[in-house]
Each structure stands twice: as C-alpha cells, then as structure tokens.
C-alpha cells in the first residue's frame, strides 16, 4: 500500500488526470482463463474482475477515441 500511496501522491503532484482501479480478491493474470494450469502462486483467473476490467478498458477507449461505428 505504500507504493500505491506514493503513486497517488506523484500523480496528484503532477496535476494529471488519472485513475487507479483495484479489483478485490483478484490475483495476477486474472484475465487468463487457463491461468490455473500453470500452477504459479499468485496467478489465478477471476471471472468478475475479468469482466469488470474489460468494461473499464472499453469505457476508457470510448473516452479517448469516441464510439466506433
């Protein structure tokens, strides 16, 4: 959490438009449906975080580039 606080302070000091999204209970590799096959500690698929992150990414791209037709 110290790194997160430092990041927040740095972004606020730079006066930039930023956001930080944290997906609770999601581990590294949470968008990889076959992550459990690798049996790597701290890596696991998390369907809800996968769906939420996809929606957030789509929203971000729409904000940047507008709705594609």
C-alpha atoms as a PDB file:
ATOM      1  CA  UNK A   1       0.000   0.000   0.000  1.00  0.00           C
ATOM      2  CA  UNK A   2       2.997   2.254   0.434  1.00  0.00           C
ATOM      3  CA  UNK A   3       3.686   2.062  -3.289  1.00  0.00           C
ATOM      4  CA  UNK A   4       0.043   2.881  -4.015  1.00  0.00           C
ATOM      5  CA  UNK A   5       0.180   5.928  -1.732  1.00  0.00           C
ATOM      6  CA  UNK A   6       3.399   7.060  -3.411  1.00  0.00           C
ATOM      7  CA  UNK A   7       1.793   6.663  -6.839  1.00  0.00           C
ATOM      8  CA  UNK A   8      -1.249   8.680  -5.773  1.00  0.00           C
ATOM      9  CA  UNK A   9       0.958  11.436  -4.394  1.00  0.00           C
ATOM     10  CA  UNK A  10       3.056  11.525  -7.557  1.00  0.00           C
ATOM     11  CA  UNK A  11       0.005  11.734  -9.822  1.00  0.00           C
ATOM     12  CA  UNK A  12      -1.625  14.423  -7.685  1.00  0.00           C
ATOM     13  CA  UNK A  13       1.618  16.425  -7.586  1.00  0.00           C
ATOM     14  CA  UNK A  14       1.822  16.245 -11.368  1.00  0.00           C
ATOM     15  CA  UNK A  15      -1.789  17.503 -11.594  1.00  0.00           C
ATOM     16  CA  UNK A  16      -2.631  14.902 -14.239  1.00  0.00           C
ATOM     17  CA  UNK A  17      -5.943  13.215 -14.979  1.00  0.00           C
ATOM     18  CA  UNK A  18      -5.557   9.690 -13.620  1.00  0.00           C
ATOM     19  CA  UNK A  19      -7.386   6.793 -12.081  1.00  0.00           C
ATOM     20  CA  UNK A  20      -6.410   3.628 -10.280  1.00  0.00           C
ATOM     21  CA  UNK A  21      -8.709   0.624 -10.391  1.00  0.00           C
ATOM     22  CA  UNK A  22      -8.179  -2.214  -7.928  1.00  0.00           C
ATOM     23  CA  UNK A  23     -10.054  -5.490  -8.334  1.00  0.00           C
ATOM     24  CA  UNK A  24     -10.522  -7.044  -4.905  1.00  0.00           C
ATOM     25  CA  UNK A  25      -9.676 -10.729  -4.493  1.00  0.00           C
ATOM     26  CA  UNK A  26      -8.166 -10.858  -7.994  1.00  0.00           C
ATOM     27  CA  UNK A  27      -4.647 -12.149  -8.453  1.00  0.00           C
ATOM     28  CA  UNK A  28      -2.112 -11.559 -11.212  1.00  0.00           C
ATOM     29  CA  UNK A  29      -3.241 -12.990 -14.542  1.00  0.00           C
ATOM     30  CA  UNK A  30      -6.910 -12.612 -13.636  1.00  0.00           C
ATOM     31  CA  UNK A  31      -7.953 -12.299 -17.312  1.00  0.00           C
ATOM     32  CA  UNK A  32      -6.316 -15.563 -18.387  1.00  0.00           C
ATOM     33  CA  UNK A  33      -8.975 -18.289 -18.230  1.00  0.00           C
ATOM     34  CA  UNK A  34      -6.349 -21.059 -18.143  1.00  0.00           C
ATOM     35  CA  UNK A  35      -4.135 -19.419 -15.514  1.00  0.00           C
ATOM     36  CA  UNK A  36      -4.621 -22.261 -13.020  1.00  0.00           C
ATOM     37  CA  UNK A  37      -2.963 -24.696 -15.449  1.00  0.00           C
ATOM     38  CA  UNK A  38       0.390 -23.025 -14.809  1.00  0.00           C
ATOM     39  CA  UNK A  39       0.207 -23.632 -11.049  1.00  0.00           C
ATOM     40  CA  UNK A  40       2.048 -20.395 -10.298  1.00  0.00           C
ATOM     41  CA  UNK A  41       1.434 -18.946  -6.824  1.00  0.00           C
ATOM     42  CA  UNK A  42      -0.440 -15.652  -7.000  1.00  0.00           C
ATOM     43  CA  UNK A  43      -1.781 -16.279 -10.515  1.00  0.00           C
ATOM     44  CA  UNK A  44      -5.439 -17.180 -10.988  1.00  0.00           C
ATOM     45  CA  UNK A  45      -8.363 -16.410 -13.266  1.00  0.00           C
ATOM     46  CA  UNK A  46     -11.106 -14.257 -11.738  1.00  0.00           C
ATOM     47  CA  UNK A  47     -14.196 -14.014 -13.966  1.00  0.00           C
ATOM     48  CA  UNK A  48     -15.755 -10.986 -12.261  1.00  0.00           C
ATOM     49  CA  UNK A  49     -12.533  -8.960 -12.363  1.00  0.00           C
ATOM     50  CA  UNK A  50     -12.015 -10.041 -15.983  1.00  0.00           C
ATOM     51  CA  UNK A  51     -15.470  -8.750 -16.967  1.00  0.00           C
ATOM     52  CA  UNK A  52     -15.076  -5.539 -14.984  1.00  0.00           C
ATOM     53  CA  UNK A  53     -11.631  -4.807 -16.390  1.00  0.00           C
ATOM     54  CA  UNK A  54     -12.879  -5.384 -19.948  1.00  0.00           C
ATOM     55  CA  UNK A  55     -15.737  -2.957 -19.379  1.00  0.00           C
ATOM     56  CA  UNK A  56     -13.352  -0.393 -17.857  1.00  0.00           C
ATOM     57  CA  UNK A  57     -10.975  -0.719 -20.812  1.00  0.00           C
ATOM     58  CA  UNK A  58     -13.816  -0.324 -23.303  1.00  0.00           C
ATOM     59  CA  UNK A  59     -15.048   2.769 -21.447  1.00  0.00           C
ATOM     60  CA  UNK A  60     -11.526   4.222 -21.442  1.00  0.00           C
ATOM     61  CA  UNK A  61     -11.093   3.655 -25.183  1.00  0.00           C
ATOM     62  CA  UNK A  62     -14.504   5.210 -25.863  1.00  0.00           C
ATOM     63  CA  UNK A  63     -13.473   8.238 -23.811  1.00  0.00           C
ATOM     64  CA  UNK A  64     -10.250   8.570 -25.795  1.00  0.00           C
ATOM     65  CA  UNK A  65     -11.417   7.716 -29.298  1.00  0.00           C
ATOM     66  CA  UNK A  66     -15.206   8.005 -29.235  1.00  0.00           C
ATOM     67  CA  UNK A  67     -17.688   5.288 -30.078  1.00  0.00           C
ATOM     68  CA  UNK A  68     -16.623   3.266 -33.119  1.00  0.00           C
ATOM     69  CA  UNK A  69     -19.308   2.622 -35.713  1.00  0.00           C
END
